[in-house]
Amino acid sequence: MPVNWRDHIVSTPDVLHGKPRIKGTRIPVSLILGYLASGMSAEEITDEFPDLTKEHIAACLDYARDLSDFEAAM
């Protein structure tokens, strides 16, 4: 399922000190990525956080992919 993370992830200085989070929540992207890294499935995560959808989780992965592709200017 293609997902554009920009539709689901926001960062504002007044919420969570600017950490990227799922739009409309206080759930940080790093928390979701950490759960995925520990082996939790998307279903387990959405069971834990009913406000999340599988699309939100896919957006977090797309966000992480974009960050890993970032090249610093030298």
PDB file of N, CA and C in Angstrom:
ATOM      1  N   MET A   1       0.854  -1.167   0.000  1.00  0.00           N
ATOM      2  CA  MET A   1       0.000   0.000   0.000  1.00  0.00           C
ATOM      3  C   MET A   1       0.901   1.230   0.000  1.00  0.00           C
ATOM      4  N   PRO A   2       0.945   1.985  -1.103  1.00  0.00           N
ATOM      5  CA  PRO A   2       1.763   3.198  -1.138  1.00  0.00           C
ATOM      6  C   PRO A   2       1.184   4.283  -0.232  1.00  0.00           C
ATOM      7  N   VAL A   3       2.049   4.834   0.599  1.00  0.00           N
ATOM      8  CA  VAL A   3       1.636   5.861   1.553  1.00  0.00           C
ATOM      9  C   VAL A   3       2.643   6.999   1.493  1.00  0.00           C
ATOM     10  N   ASN A   4       2.138   8.210   1.448  1.00  0.00           N
ATOM     11  CA  ASN A   4       3.000   9.385   1.543  1.00  0.00           C
ATOM     12  C   ASN A   4       3.036   9.803   3.005  1.00  0.00           C
ATOM     13  N   TRP A   5       4.203   9.654   3.635  1.00  0.00           N
ATOM     14  CA  TRP A   5       4.287   9.941   5.068  1.00  0.00           C
ATOM     15  C   TRP A   5       3.895  11.372   5.397  1.00  0.00           C
ATOM     16  N   ARG A   6       4.071  12.289   4.463  1.00  0.00           N
ATOM     17  CA  ARG A   6       3.751  13.697   4.720  1.00  0.00           C
ATOM     18  C   ARG A   6       2.256  13.926   4.985  1.00  0.00           C
ATOM     19  N   ASP A   7       1.435  12.972   4.585  1.00  0.00           N
ATOM     20  CA  ASP A   7      -0.005  13.069   4.848  1.00  0.00           C
ATOM     21  C   ASP A   7      -0.357  12.659   6.279  1.00  0.00           C
ATOM     22  N   HIS A   8       0.576  11.998   6.974  1.00  0.00           N
ATOM     23  CA  HIS A   8       0.257  11.412   8.280  1.00  0.00           C
ATOM     24  C   HIS A   8       1.178  11.821   9.417  1.00  0.00           C
ATOM     25  N   ILE A   9       2.335  12.386   9.101  1.00  0.00           N
ATOM     26  CA  ILE A   9       3.319  12.699  10.130  1.00  0.00           C
ATOM     27  C   ILE A   9       3.576  14.200  10.165  1.00  0.00           C
ATOM     28  N   VAL A  10       3.558  14.747  11.371  1.00  0.00           N
ATOM     29  CA  VAL A  10       3.805  16.179  11.552  1.00  0.00           C
ATOM     30  C   VAL A  10       4.834  16.374  12.662  1.00  0.00           C
ATOM     31  N   SER A  11       5.397  17.562  12.677  1.00  0.00           N
ATOM     32  CA  SER A  11       6.333  17.948  13.725  1.00  0.00           C
ATOM     33  C   SER A  11       6.098  19.419  14.028  1.00  0.00           C
ATOM     34  N   THR A  12       5.674  19.698  15.236  1.00  0.00           N
ATOM     35  CA  THR A  12       5.445  21.077  15.656  1.00  0.00           C
ATOM     36  C   THR A  12       6.150  21.293  16.996  1.00  0.00           C
ATOM     37  N   PRO A  13       6.773  22.458  17.177  1.00  0.00           N
ATOM     38  CA  PRO A  13       7.558  22.678  18.389  1.00  0.00           C
ATOM     39  C   PRO A  13       6.743  22.633  19.685  1.00  0.00           C
ATOM     40  N   ASP A  14       5.449  22.857  19.605  1.00  0.00           N
ATOM     41  CA  ASP A  14       4.630  22.900  20.818  1.00  0.00           C
ATOM     42  C   ASP A  14       4.114  21.540  21.277  1.00  0.00           C
ATOM     43  N   VAL A  15       4.351  20.490  20.492  1.00  0.00           N
ATOM     44  CA  VAL A  15       3.901  19.142  20.872  1.00  0.00           C
ATOM     45  C   VAL A  15       5.101  18.201  20.846  1.00  0.00           C
ATOM     46  N   LEU A  16       5.334  17.519  21.950  1.00  0.00           N
ATOM     47  CA  LEU A  16       6.441  16.555  22.082  1.00  0.00           C
ATOM     48  C   LEU A  16       7.792  17.167  21.728  1.00  0.00           C
ATOM     49  N   HIS A  17       7.945  18.450  22.002  1.00  0.00           N
ATOM     50  CA  HIS A  17       9.213  19.154  21.748  1.00  0.00           C
ATOM     51  C   HIS A  17       9.636  19.049  20.285  1.00  0.00           C
ATOM     52  N   GLY A  18       8.665  18.958  19.381  1.00  0.00           N
ATOM     53  CA  GLY A  18       8.968  18.926  17.953  1.00  0.00           C
ATOM     54  C   GLY A  18       9.285  17.565  17.386  1.00  0.00           C
ATOM     55  N   LYS A  19       9.194  16.515  18.205  1.00  0.00           N
ATOM     56  CA  LYS A  19       9.452  15.174  17.682  1.00  0.00           C
ATOM     57  C   LYS A  19       8.391  14.829  16.641  1.00  0.00           C
ATOM     58  N   PRO A  20       8.773  14.138  15.568  1.00  0.00           N
ATOM     59  CA  PRO A  20       7.778  13.709  14.582  1.00  0.00           C
ATOM     60  C   PRO A  20       6.753  12.784  15.244  1.00  0.00           C
ATOM     61  N   ARG A  21       5.491  13.011  14.921  1.00  0.00           N
ATOM     62  CA  ARG A  21       4.399  12.245  15.524  1.00  0.00           C
ATOM     63  C   ARG A  21       3.306  12.023  14.498  1.00  0.00           C
ATOM     64  N   ILE A  22       2.406  11.117  14.808  1.00  0.00           N
ATOM     65  CA  ILE A  22       1.252  10.880  13.950  1.00  0.00           C
ATOM     66  C   ILE A  22       0.302  12.061  14.099  1.00  0.00           C
ATOM     67  N   LYS A  23      -0.089  12.610  12.963  1.00  0.00           N
ATOM     68  CA  LYS A  23      -0.975  13.778  12.948  1.00  0.00           C
ATOM     69  C   LYS A  23      -2.240  13.498  13.765  1.00  0.00           C
ATOM     70  N   GLY A  24      -2.600  14.462  14.610  1.00  0.00           N
ATOM     71  CA  GLY A  24      -3.808  14.340  15.425  1.00  0.00           C
ATOM     72  C   GLY A  24      -3.622  13.534  16.692  1.00  0.00           C
ATOM     73  N   THR A  25      -2.382  13.091  16.962  1.00  0.00           N
ATOM     74  CA  THR A  25      -2.094  12.323  18.178  1.00  0.00           C
ATOM     75  C   THR A  25      -0.832  12.865  18.835  1.00  0.00           C
ATOM     76  N   ARG A  26      -0.501  12.267  19.958  1.00  0.00           N
ATOM     77  CA  ARG A  26       0.777  12.541  20.618  1.00  0.00           C
ATOM     78  C   ARG A  26       1.648  11.289  20.559  1.00  0.00           C
ATOM     79  N   ILE A  27       1.412  10.456  19.569  1.00  0.00           N
ATOM     80  CA  ILE A  27       2.171   9.207  19.411  1.00  0.00           C
ATOM     81  C   ILE A  27       3.373   9.480  18.517  1.00  0.00           C
ATOM     82  N   PRO A  28       4.598   9.407  19.083  1.00  0.00           N
ATOM     83  CA  PRO A  28       5.782   9.692  18.276  1.00  0.00           C
ATOM     84  C   PRO A  28       6.106   8.568  17.297  1.00  0.00           C
ATOM     85  N   VAL A  29       6.635   8.966  16.165  1.00  0.00           N
ATOM     86  CA  VAL A  29       7.056   8.004  15.146  1.00  0.00           C
ATOM     87  C   VAL A  29       8.086   7.045  15.734  1.00  0.00           C
ATOM     88  N   SER A  30       8.987   7.556  16.556  1.00  0.00           N
ATOM     89  CA  SER A  30      10.043   6.716  17.133  1.00  0.00           C
ATOM     90  C   SER A  30       9.473   5.570  17.966  1.00  0.00           C
ATOM     91  N   LEU A  31       8.356   5.781  18.623  1.00  0.00           N
ATOM     92  CA  LEU A  31       7.725   4.731  19.413  1.00  0.00           C
ATOM     93  C   LEU A  31       7.246   3.605  18.502  1.00  0.00           C
ATOM     94  N   ILE A  32       6.591   3.973  17.422  1.00  0.00           N
ATOM     95  CA  ILE A  32       6.076   2.972  16.485  1.00  0.00           C
ATOM     96  C   ILE A  32       7.227   2.198  15.848  1.00  0.00           C
ATOM     97  N   LEU A  33       8.267   2.917  15.421  1.00  0.00           N
ATOM     98  CA  LEU A  33       9.418   2.250  14.815  1.00  0.00           C
ATOM     99  C   LEU A  33      10.101   1.328  15.825  1.00  0.00           C
ATOM    100  N   GLY A  34      10.155   1.744  17.059  1.00  0.00           N
ATOM    101  CA  GLY A  34      10.734   0.898  18.102  1.00  0.00           C
ATOM    102  C   GLY A  34       9.945  -0.376  18.311  1.00  0.00           C
ATOM    103  N   TYR A  35       8.630  -0.265  18.314  1.00  0.00           N
ATOM    104  CA  TYR A  35       7.791  -1.461  18.439  1.00  0.00           C
ATOM    105  C   TYR A  35       8.000  -2.405  17.263  1.00  0.00           C
ATOM    106  N   LEU A  36       8.068  -1.847  16.058  1.00  0.00           N
ATOM    107  CA  LEU A  36       8.308  -2.682  14.886  1.00  0.00           C
ATOM    108  C   LEU A  36       9.674  -3.363  14.977  1.00  0.00           C
ATOM    109  N   ALA A  37      10.683  -2.614  15.414  1.00  0.00           N
ATOM    110  CA  ALA A  37      12.037  -3.164  15.534  1.00  0.00           C
ATOM    111  C   ALA A  37      12.103  -4.282  16.578  1.00  0.00           C
ATOM    112  N   SER A  38      11.247  -4.204  17.583  1.00  0.00           N
ATOM    113  CA  SER A  38      11.243  -5.243  18.616  1.00  0.00           C
ATOM    114  C   SER A  38      10.460  -6.481  18.198  1.00  0.00           C
ATOM    115  N   GLY A  39       9.852  -6.431  17.012  1.00  0.00           N
ATOM    116  CA  GLY A  39       9.158  -7.609  16.504  1.00  0.00           C
ATOM    117  C   GLY A  39       7.646  -7.563  16.572  1.00  0.00           C
ATOM    118  N   MET A  40       7.083  -6.463  17.064  1.00  0.00           N
ATOM    119  CA  MET A  40       5.615  -6.370  17.107  1.00  0.00           C
ATOM    120  C   MET A  40       5.066  -6.247  15.696  1.00  0.00           C
ATOM    121  N   SER A  41       3.916  -6.826  15.479  1.00  0.00           N
ATOM    122  CA  SER A  41       3.255  -6.717  14.180  1.00  0.00           C
ATOM    123  C   SER A  41       2.406  -5.451  14.146  1.00  0.00           C
ATOM    124  N   ALA A  42       2.009  -5.062  12.945  1.00  0.00           N
ATOM    125  CA  ALA A  42       1.130  -3.900  12.795  1.00  0.00           C
ATOM    126  C   ALA A  42      -0.176  -4.118  13.560  1.00  0.00           C
ATOM    127  N   GLU A  43      -0.675  -5.341  13.544  1.00  0.00           N
ATOM    128  CA  GLU A  43      -1.921  -5.649  14.258  1.00  0.00           C
ATOM    129  C   GLU A  43      -1.751  -5.467  15.758  1.00  0.00           C
ATOM    130  N   GLU A  44      -0.618  -5.909  16.292  1.00  0.00           N
ATOM    131  CA  GLU A  44      -0.366  -5.750  17.731  1.00  0.00           C
ATOM    132  C   GLU A  44      -0.264  -4.277  18.106  1.00  0.00           C
ATOM    133  N   ILE A  45       0.356  -3.497  17.246  1.00  0.00           N
ATOM    134  CA  ILE A  45       0.506  -2.066  17.533  1.00  0.00           C
ATOM    135  C   ILE A  45      -0.844  -1.362  17.479  1.00  0.00           C
ATOM    136  N   THR A  46      -1.658  -1.672  16.478  1.00  0.00           N
ATOM    137  CA  THR A  46      -2.973  -1.030  16.396  1.00  0.00           C
ATOM    138  C   THR A  46      -3.897  -1.511  17.513  1.00  0.00           C
ATOM    139  N   ASP A  47      -3.677  -2.713  18.019  1.00  0.00           N
ATOM    140  CA  ASP A  47      -4.442  -3.164  19.189  1.00  0.00           C
ATOM    141  C   ASP A  47      -4.061  -2.343  20.423  1.00  0.00           C
ATOM    142  N   GLU A  48      -2.769  -2.032  20.528  1.00  0.00           N
ATOM    143  CA  GLU A  48      -2.261  -1.249  21.667  1.00  0.00           C
ATOM    144  C   GLU A  48      -2.694   0.220  21.582  1.00  0.00           C
ATOM    145  N   PHE A  49      -2.751   0.740  20.358  1.00  0.00           N
ATOM    146  CA  PHE A  49      -3.111   2.145  20.115  1.00  0.00           C
ATOM    147  C   PHE A  49      -4.274   2.200  19.129  1.00  0.00           C
ATOM    148  N   PRO A  50      -5.502   2.175  19.620  1.00  0.00           N
ATOM    149  CA  PRO A  50      -6.673   2.136  18.731  1.00  0.00           C
ATOM    150  C   PRO A  50      -6.797   3.332  17.789  1.00  0.00           C
ATOM    151  N   ASP A  51      -6.124   4.450  18.107  1.00  0.00           N
ATOM    152  CA  ASP A  51      -6.180   5.622  17.220  1.00  0.00           C
ATOM    153  C   ASP A  51      -5.311   5.438  15.978  1.00  0.00           C
ATOM    154  N   LEU A  52      -4.437   4.434  15.984  1.00  0.00           N
ATOM    155  CA  LEU A  52      -3.552   4.193  14.843  1.00  0.00           C
ATOM    156  C   LEU A  52      -4.194   3.255  13.832  1.00  0.00           C
ATOM    157  N   THR A  53      -3.771   3.426  12.595  1.00  0.00           N
ATOM    158  CA  THR A  53      -4.191   2.526  11.523  1.00  0.00           C
ATOM    159  C   THR A  53      -2.943   1.907  10.898  1.00  0.00           C
ATOM    160  N   LYS A  54      -3.144   0.894  10.102  1.00  0.00           N
ATOM    161  CA  LYS A  54      -2.018   0.291   9.385  1.00  0.00           C
ATOM    162  C   LYS A  54      -1.390   1.308   8.438  1.00  0.00           C
ATOM    163  N   GLU A  55      -2.181   2.237   7.953  1.00  0.00           N
ATOM    164  CA  GLU A  55      -1.662   3.293   7.086  1.00  0.00           C
ATOM    165  C   GLU A  55      -0.702   4.202   7.852  1.00  0.00           C
ATOM    166  N   HIS A  56      -1.008   4.490   9.107  1.00  0.00           N
ATOM    167  CA  HIS A  56      -0.095   5.278   9.945  1.00  0.00           C
ATOM    168  C   HIS A  56       1.235   4.557  10.115  1.00  0.00           C
ATOM    169  N   ILE A  57       1.178   3.258  10.338  1.00  0.00           N
ATOM    170  CA  ILE A  57       2.395   2.472  10.521  1.00  0.00           C
ATOM    171  C   ILE A  57       3.212   2.453   9.230  1.00  0.00           C
ATOM    172  N   ALA A  58       2.543   2.299   8.101  1.00  0.00           N
ATOM    173  CA  ALA A  58       3.236   2.349   6.812  1.00  0.00           C
ATOM    174  C   ALA A  58       3.871   3.721   6.597  1.00  0.00           C
ATOM    175  N   ALA A  59       3.202   4.773   7.035  1.00  0.00           N
ATOM    176  CA  ALA A  59       3.752   6.130   6.914  1.00  0.00           C
ATOM    177  C   ALA A  59       5.029   6.261   7.739  1.00  0.00           C
ATOM    178  N   CYS A  60       5.075   5.652   8.921  1.00  0.00           N
ATOM    179  CA  CYS A  60       6.283   5.693   9.749  1.00  0.00           C
ATOM    180  C   CYS A  60       7.442   5.001   9.042  1.00  0.00           C
ATOM    181  N   LEU A  61       7.167   3.886   8.401  1.00  0.00           N
ATOM    182  CA  LEU A  61       8.218   3.178   7.670  1.00  0.00           C
ATOM    183  C   LEU A  61       8.681   3.992   6.467  1.00  0.00           C
ATOM    184  N   ASP A  62       7.751   4.635   5.782  1.00  0.00           N
ATOM    185  CA  ASP A  62       8.105   5.477   4.641  1.00  0.00           C
ATOM    186  C   ASP A  62       8.944   6.667   5.106  1.00  0.00           C
ATOM    187  N   TYR A  63       8.594   7.227   6.255  1.00  0.00           N
ATOM    188  CA  TYR A  63       9.352   8.337   6.839  1.00  0.00           C
ATOM    189  C   TYR A  63      10.790   7.887   7.143  1.00  0.00           C
ATOM    190  N   ALA A  64      10.929   6.732   7.766  1.00  0.00           N
ATOM    191  CA  ALA A  64      12.256   6.206   8.093  1.00  0.00           C
ATOM    192  C   ALA A  64      13.067   5.948   6.823  1.00  0.00           C
ATOM    193  N   ARG A  65      12.423   5.446   5.792  1.00  0.00           N
ATOM    194  CA  ARG A  65      13.112   5.211   4.520  1.00  0.00           C
ATOM    195  C   ARG A  65      13.634   6.518   3.951  1.00  0.00           C
ATOM    196  N   ASP A  66      12.800   7.554   3.961  1.00  0.00           N
ATOM    197  CA  ASP A  66      13.232   8.853   3.458  1.00  0.00           C
ATOM    198  C   ASP A  66      14.416   9.399   4.272  1.00  0.00           C
ATOM    199  N   LEU A  67      14.391   9.228   5.584  1.00  0.00           N
ATOM    200  CA  LEU A  67      15.502   9.698   6.407  1.00  0.00           C
ATOM    201  C   LEU A  67      16.789   8.956   6.081  1.00  0.00           C
ATOM    202  N   SER A  68      16.664   7.665   5.801  1.00  0.00           N
ATOM    203  CA  SER A  68      17.876   6.891   5.504  1.00  0.00           C
ATOM    204  C   SER A  68      18.447   7.229   4.132  1.00  0.00           C
ATOM    205  N   ASP A  69      17.641   7.807   3.246  1.00  0.00           N
ATOM    206  CA  ASP A  69      18.105   8.197   1.932  1.00  0.00           C
ATOM    207  C   ASP A  69      18.713   9.605   1.921  1.00  0.00           C
ATOM    208  N   PHE A  70      18.590  10.328   3.030  1.00  0.00           N
ATOM    209  CA  PHE A  70      19.063  11.696   3.114  1.00  0.00           C
ATOM    210  C   PHE A  70      20.587  11.744   2.963  1.00  0.00           C
ATOM    211  N   GLU A  71      21.054  12.637   2.118  1.00  0.00           N
ATOM    212  CA  GLU A  71      22.495  12.814   1.940  1.00  0.00           C
ATOM    213  C   GLU A  71      22.879  14.208   2.428  1.00  0.00           C
ATOM    214  N   ALA A  72      23.833  14.253   3.298  1.00  0.00           N
ATOM    215  CA  ALA A  72      24.299  15.542   3.827  1.00  0.00           C
ATOM    216  C   ALA A  72      25.157  16.247   2.779  1.00  0.00           C
ATOM    217  N   ALA A  73      24.995  17.550   2.697  1.00  0.00           N
ATOM    218  CA  ALA A  73      25.826  18.335   1.780  1.00  0.00           C
ATOM    219  C   ALA A  73      27.222  18.446   2.343  1.00  0.00           C
ATOM    220  N   MET A  74      28.188  18.311   1.491  1.00  0.00           N
ATOM    221  CA  MET A  74      29.587  18.428   1.950  1.00  0.00           C
ATOM    222  C   MET A  74      30.252  19.593   1.297  1.00  0.00           C
TER     223      MET A  74
END
